[in-house]
Amino acid sequence: MEKKPFVPEVVQGRKQITALLGRSWAVVAKWIGEGAPIASIDGKWEADRETLLGWRREYISRKTGKQESAGRS
């Protein structure tokens, strides 16, 4: 049986967040100003992985003018 890699539910710190999003911290900081669900908690940046990825999908849809389909797989 193949062991699946651990994928944290919460990403912590700039390094994990930028790695997840594939963007520089400057871009991530801009997105935080635009409502990205990332918070500084006790001096450390944190985000719920699925919530953040969902926000990014919606952000891309808004920027491209496309609506996310209800029956997406």
C-alpha atoms as a PDB file:
ATOM      1  CA  MET A   1       0.000   0.000   0.000  1.00  0.00           C
ATOM      2  CA  GLU A   2       1.429   3.360  -1.079  1.00  0.00           C
ATOM      3  CA  LYS A   3       1.787   5.949   1.669  1.00  0.00           C
ATOM      4  CA  LYS A   4       0.336   9.357   0.758  1.00  0.00           C
ATOM      5  CA  PRO A   5       2.385  12.452   1.615  1.00  0.00           C
ATOM      6  CA  PHE A   6       1.179  14.558   4.521  1.00  0.00           C
ATOM      7  CA  VAL A   7      -0.759  17.612   3.371  1.00  0.00           C
ATOM      8  CA  PRO A   8      -1.419  20.061   6.217  1.00  0.00           C
ATOM      9  CA  GLU A   9      -4.888  21.572   6.599  1.00  0.00           C
ATOM     10  CA  VAL A  10      -3.323  24.828   7.747  1.00  0.00           C
ATOM     11  CA  VAL A  11      -0.345  26.375   5.984  1.00  0.00           C
ATOM     12  CA  GLN A  12       1.905  28.435   8.220  1.00  0.00           C
ATOM     13  CA  GLY A  13       4.482  31.058   7.450  1.00  0.00           C
ATOM     14  CA  ARG A  14       5.362  32.957   4.319  1.00  0.00           C
ATOM     15  CA  LYS A  15       7.363  30.068   2.871  1.00  0.00           C
ATOM     16  CA  GLN A  16       4.497  27.545   2.991  1.00  0.00           C
ATOM     17  CA  ILE A  17       1.930  30.064   1.770  1.00  0.00           C
ATOM     18  CA  THR A  18       4.023  31.230  -1.186  1.00  0.00           C
ATOM     19  CA  ALA A  19       4.893  27.616  -2.058  1.00  0.00           C
ATOM     20  CA  LEU A  20       1.211  26.638  -2.049  1.00  0.00           C
ATOM     21  CA  LEU A  21       0.213  29.579  -4.241  1.00  0.00           C
ATOM     22  CA  GLY A  22       3.321  29.600  -6.426  1.00  0.00           C
ATOM     23  CA  ARG A  23       3.642  33.378  -6.053  1.00  0.00           C
ATOM     24  CA  SER A  24       6.036  35.793  -4.387  1.00  0.00           C
ATOM     25  CA  TRP A  25       5.238  37.307  -1.004  1.00  0.00           C
ATOM     26  CA  ALA A  26       4.725  40.688  -2.708  1.00  0.00           C
ATOM     27  CA  VAL A  27       1.861  39.210  -4.747  1.00  0.00           C
ATOM     28  CA  VAL A  28       0.449  37.356  -1.726  1.00  0.00           C
ATOM     29  CA  ALA A  29       0.523  40.587   0.308  1.00  0.00           C
ATOM     30  CA  LYS A  30      -1.409  42.322  -2.483  1.00  0.00           C
ATOM     31  CA  TRP A  31      -3.962  39.494  -2.424  1.00  0.00           C
ATOM     32  CA  ILE A  32      -4.304  39.817   1.366  1.00  0.00           C
ATOM     33  CA  GLY A  33      -5.271  43.447   0.734  1.00  0.00           C
ATOM     34  CA  GLU A  34      -7.861  42.180  -1.752  1.00  0.00           C
ATOM     35  CA  GLY A  35      -9.398  39.776   0.757  1.00  0.00           C
ATOM     36  CA  ALA A  36      -7.319  36.580   0.579  1.00  0.00           C
ATOM     37  CA  PRO A  37      -8.132  34.541   3.709  1.00  0.00           C
ATOM     38  CA  ILE A  38      -4.664  34.764   5.241  1.00  0.00           C
ATOM     39  CA  ALA A  39      -4.139  36.090   8.763  1.00  0.00           C
ATOM     40  CA  SER A  40      -1.231  37.023  10.966  1.00  0.00           C
ATOM     41  CA  ILE A  41      -1.811  35.138  14.211  1.00  0.00           C
ATOM     42  CA  ASP A  42       0.630  35.850  17.031  1.00  0.00           C
ATOM     43  CA  GLY A  43       3.098  37.168  14.460  1.00  0.00           C
ATOM     44  CA  LYS A  44       2.931  34.133  12.155  1.00  0.00           C
ATOM     45  CA  TRP A  45       1.040  34.086   8.843  1.00  0.00           C
ATOM     46  CA  GLU A  46      -1.536  31.282   8.602  1.00  0.00           C
ATOM     47  CA  ALA A  47      -4.254  30.141   6.234  1.00  0.00           C
ATOM     48  CA  ASP A  48      -6.635  27.224   5.901  1.00  0.00           C
ATOM     49  CA  ARG A  49      -5.420  25.369   2.803  1.00  0.00           C
ATOM     50  CA  GLU A  50      -8.805  24.555   1.223  1.00  0.00           C
ATOM     51  CA  THR A  51     -10.325  27.956   2.019  1.00  0.00           C
ATOM     52  CA  LEU A  52      -7.334  29.714   0.475  1.00  0.00           C
ATOM     53  CA  LEU A  53      -7.360  27.559  -2.670  1.00  0.00           C
ATOM     54  CA  GLY A  54     -11.123  28.137  -3.007  1.00  0.00           C
ATOM     55  CA  TRP A  55     -10.592  31.898  -2.692  1.00  0.00           C
ATOM     56  CA  ARG A  56      -7.924  31.735  -5.385  1.00  0.00           C
ATOM     57  CA  ARG A  57     -10.243  29.850  -7.775  1.00  0.00           C
ATOM     58  CA  GLU A  58     -12.913  32.520  -7.254  1.00  0.00           C
ATOM     59  CA  TYR A  59     -10.318  35.302  -7.670  1.00  0.00           C
ATOM     60  CA  ILE A  60      -9.167  33.832 -10.970  1.00  0.00           C
ATOM     61  CA  SER A  61     -12.778  33.527 -12.129  1.00  0.00           C
ATOM     62  CA  ARG A  62     -13.435  37.191 -11.300  1.00  0.00           C
ATOM     63  CA  LYS A  63     -10.267  38.349 -13.036  1.00  0.00           C
ATOM     64  CA  THR A  64     -10.989  36.336 -16.178  1.00  0.00           C
ATOM     65  CA  GLY A  65     -14.694  37.191 -16.178  1.00  0.00           C
ATOM     66  CA  LYS A  66     -15.703  33.550 -15.930  1.00  0.00           C
ATOM     67  CA  GLN A  67     -18.185  32.143 -13.469  1.00  0.00           C
ATOM     68  CA  GLU A  68     -17.325  28.938 -11.644  1.00  0.00           C
ATOM     69  CA  SER A  69     -19.626  26.130 -12.742  1.00  0.00           C
ATOM     70  CA  ALA A  70     -21.878  24.551 -10.137  1.00  0.00           C
ATOM     71  CA  GLY A  71     -21.149  21.012 -11.339  1.00  0.00           C
ATOM     72  CA  ARG A  72     -17.382  21.274 -11.288  1.00  0.00           C
ATOM     73  CA  SER A  73     -15.574  17.976 -10.765  1.00  0.00           C
END
